[in-house]
Amino acid sequence: KNNIPWILIGCVPSVIIGALVLRYAPGGEGNMSLLVSVPIAFYGFIIAATWIDAIADQLVSLLGFLGAIFRIPGSIMGLTVLAWGNSMGDLSANMTMAKKGLANMAITACFAGPVFNILIGLGGGFSTLAKATGNAEAEVSLSPSIATGFLFLLCNCILVLVS
């Protein structure tokens, strides 16, 4: 039988790594060597990504629950509330860049970030599907609500190009 509590598998290494960081990281005097700073930065990145994943998972579950209560289709929730929430981080970063005088970079990031997400997200998803099914082609059907969402997306893109 497997009697190891799964929480210990995550907590024990985190406590050990945190204690090592507290013990061996410089106390503010001088520069930190790459031997110390790279593992600390990597560990911080892993912890941040874990928190983001956990919070995003709970948020999606909450939105699914609210969608079920108010009888809102999942595709509509994804096109509105989830999309807006996903864009808040980009909005904050782009506004900060623009305020610092990097307006061209901010405008480029407005378009490059979503394009990158779509290409990597769809490419990764369809590659995984092709590998799992052994079929390089997949039929995609659009529900009426997704077709409506694409229509609004197309209108938005035309308005951005015109204005």
Protein backbone atom coordinates (compact mmCIF):
# COMPACT_ATOMS: atom_id res chain seq x y z
CA LYS A 1 0.00 0.00 0.00
CA ASN A 2 1.03 3.56 -0.59
CA ASN A 3 0.71 5.36 2.75
CA ILE A 4 2.89 8.39 1.92
CA PRO A 5 0.85 11.60 2.21
CA TRP A 6 1.22 13.38 -1.13
CA ILE A 7 1.45 16.76 0.55
CA LEU A 8 4.77 15.74 2.10
CA ILE A 9 6.24 14.98 -1.30
CA GLY A 10 5.80 18.65 -2.23
CA CYS A 11 6.38 20.26 1.16
CA VAL A 12 9.53 18.49 2.30
CA PRO A 13 11.68 19.45 -0.73
CA SER A 14 10.30 23.00 -0.60
CA VAL A 15 11.23 23.37 3.08
CA ILE A 16 14.70 21.92 2.48
CA ILE A 17 15.38 24.20 -0.51
CA GLY A 18 14.01 27.21 1.37
CA ALA A 19 16.25 26.47 4.36
CA LEU A 20 19.29 26.14 2.08
CA VAL A 21 18.45 29.46 0.43
CA LEU A 22 18.14 31.16 3.82
CA ARG A 23 21.42 29.66 4.97
CA TYR A 24 23.65 30.18 1.94
CA ALA A 25 22.23 33.25 0.14
CA PRO A 26 24.15 36.46 0.79
CA GLY A 27 22.58 38.85 3.24
CA GLY A 28 22.58 41.88 0.98
CA GLU A 29 26.26 42.74 1.01
CA GLY A 30 27.95 42.36 -2.35
CA ASN A 31 26.83 40.60 -5.48
CA MET A 32 25.43 37.10 -5.50
CA SER A 33 27.40 34.60 -7.57
CA LEU A 34 25.76 32.80 -10.48
CA LEU A 35 26.22 29.53 -8.64
CA VAL A 36 23.78 30.78 -6.00
CA SER A 37 21.52 33.15 -7.96
CA VAL A 38 20.58 30.83 -10.85
CA PRO A 39 19.16 28.03 -8.63
CA ILE A 40 17.33 30.60 -6.51
CA ALA A 41 15.79 32.22 -9.61
CA PHE A 42 14.85 28.81 -11.04
CA TYR A 43 13.29 27.74 -7.74
CA GLY A 44 11.33 31.02 -7.59
CA PHE A 45 10.11 30.49 -11.14
CA ILE A 46 8.93 26.96 -10.35
CA ILE A 47 7.11 28.13 -7.20
CA ALA A 48 5.47 31.05 -9.07
CA ALA A 49 4.36 28.78 -11.93
CA THR A 50 2.94 26.30 -9.42
CA TRP A 51 0.93 29.01 -7.68
CA ILE A 52 -0.33 30.40 -10.99
CA ASP A 53 -1.39 26.91 -12.10
CA ALA A 54 -3.19 26.22 -8.82
CA ILE A 55 -5.01 29.56 -8.79
CA ALA A 56 -5.92 29.34 -12.49
CA ASP A 57 -7.30 25.83 -11.98
CA GLN A 58 -9.51 27.04 -9.13
CA LEU A 59 -10.62 30.07 -11.14
CA VAL A 60 -11.64 27.93 -14.10
CA SER A 61 -13.55 25.59 -11.77
CA LEU A 62 -15.31 28.58 -10.20
CA LEU A 63 -16.23 30.01 -13.61
CA GLY A 64 -17.53 26.61 -14.71
CA PHE A 65 -19.63 26.44 -11.54
CA LEU A 66 -21.02 29.96 -12.07
CA GLY A 67 -21.70 29.14 -15.72
CA ALA A 68 -23.65 26.05 -14.68
CA ILE A 69 -25.67 28.01 -12.11
CA PHE A 70 -26.56 30.81 -14.52
CA ARG A 71 -26.89 28.40 -17.49
CA ILE A 72 -24.19 30.14 -19.53
CA PRO A 73 -22.50 27.86 -22.10
CA GLY A 74 -18.82 27.13 -21.52
CA SER A 75 -17.84 28.60 -24.88
CA ILE A 76 -19.45 31.93 -23.97
CA MET A 77 -17.71 31.92 -20.58
CA GLY A 78 -14.42 31.26 -22.36
CA LEU A 79 -14.97 34.03 -24.90
CA THR A 80 -15.87 36.62 -22.28
CA VAL A 81 -14.98 36.26 -18.61
CA LEU A 82 -12.05 33.88 -18.96
CA ALA A 83 -10.59 35.80 -21.92
CA TRP A 84 -10.86 39.11 -20.09
CA GLY A 85 -9.26 37.69 -16.98
CA ASN A 86 -6.47 36.16 -19.03
CA SER A 87 -5.76 39.54 -20.62
CA MET A 88 -5.40 41.49 -17.36
CA GLY A 89 -1.73 40.53 -16.90
CA ASP A 90 -0.93 41.59 -20.47
CA LEU A 91 -2.81 44.86 -19.96
CA SER A 92 -0.82 45.63 -16.83
CA ALA A 93 2.52 44.81 -18.45
CA ASN A 94 1.74 46.76 -21.62
CA MET A 95 0.54 49.82 -19.69
CA THR A 96 3.72 49.75 -17.63
CA MET A 97 5.89 49.56 -20.76
CA ALA A 98 3.99 52.43 -22.37
CA LYS A 99 4.37 54.59 -19.23
CA LYS A 100 8.12 53.95 -19.28
CA GLY A 101 8.35 55.27 -22.84
CA LEU A 102 8.35 51.92 -24.63
CA ALA A 103 5.08 52.43 -26.52
CA ASN A 104 6.24 50.58 -29.64
CA MET A 105 7.17 47.55 -27.55
CA ALA A 106 3.82 47.69 -25.74
CA ILE A 107 1.86 47.82 -29.00
CA THR A 108 3.91 44.96 -30.43
CA ALA A 109 3.28 42.91 -27.28
CA CYS A 110 -0.48 43.51 -27.63
CA PHE A 111 -0.45 41.54 -30.86
CA ALA A 112 2.55 39.22 -30.47
CA GLY A 113 1.49 37.74 -27.12
CA PRO A 114 -1.92 36.46 -28.23
CA VAL A 115 -0.56 35.27 -31.59
CA PHE A 116 2.19 33.33 -29.81
CA ASN A 117 -0.34 31.83 -27.38
CA ILE A 118 -2.64 30.74 -30.21
CA LEU A 119 0.14 29.24 -32.32
CA ILE A 120 1.82 27.40 -29.46
CA GLY A 121 -1.47 26.42 -27.78
CA LEU A 122 -3.13 25.09 -30.92
CA GLY A 123 0.08 23.56 -32.23
CA GLY A 124 0.79 21.79 -28.94
CA GLY A 125 -2.81 20.64 -28.53
CA PHE A 126 -3.17 19.29 -32.04
CA SER A 127 0.29 17.67 -31.89
CA THR A 128 -0.71 15.88 -28.70
CA LEU A 129 -4.00 14.82 -30.29
CA ALA A 130 -2.23 13.53 -33.40
CA LYS A 131 0.25 11.58 -31.31
CA ALA A 132 -2.48 10.09 -29.11
CA THR A 133 -4.79 9.07 -31.97
CA GLY A 134 -2.14 8.29 -34.58
CA ASN A 135 -4.06 10.41 -37.06
CA ALA A 136 -2.45 13.57 -38.43
CA GLU A 137 -5.83 15.08 -39.31
CA ALA A 138 -8.59 16.12 -36.93
CA GLU A 139 -12.07 17.33 -37.78
CA VAL A 140 -13.08 20.47 -35.94
CA SER A 141 -16.75 21.37 -35.70
CA LEU A 142 -17.91 24.81 -34.68
CA SER A 143 -20.95 25.19 -32.48
CA PRO A 144 -23.19 28.21 -33.13
CA SER A 145 -21.84 30.01 -30.05
CA ILE A 146 -18.22 29.54 -31.18
CA ALA A 147 -19.12 30.72 -34.69
CA THR A 148 -20.71 33.80 -33.13
CA GLY A 149 -17.56 34.37 -31.11
CA PHE A 150 -15.45 34.15 -34.26
CA LEU A 151 -17.73 36.67 -35.94
CA PHE A 152 -17.22 39.15 -33.07
CA LEU A 153 -13.47 38.44 -33.16
CA LEU A 154 -13.39 39.17 -36.88
CA CYS A 155 -15.30 42.43 -36.33
CA ASN A 156 -12.85 43.38 -33.59
CA CYS A 157 -9.86 42.71 -35.85
CA ILE A 158 -11.38 44.81 -38.66
CA LEU A 159 -12.07 47.67 -36.23
CA VAL A 160 -8.46 47.52 -34.99
CA LEU A 161 -7.15 47.70 -38.56
CA VAL A 162 -9.47 50.56 -39.52
CA SER A 163 -8.89 52.73 -36.45
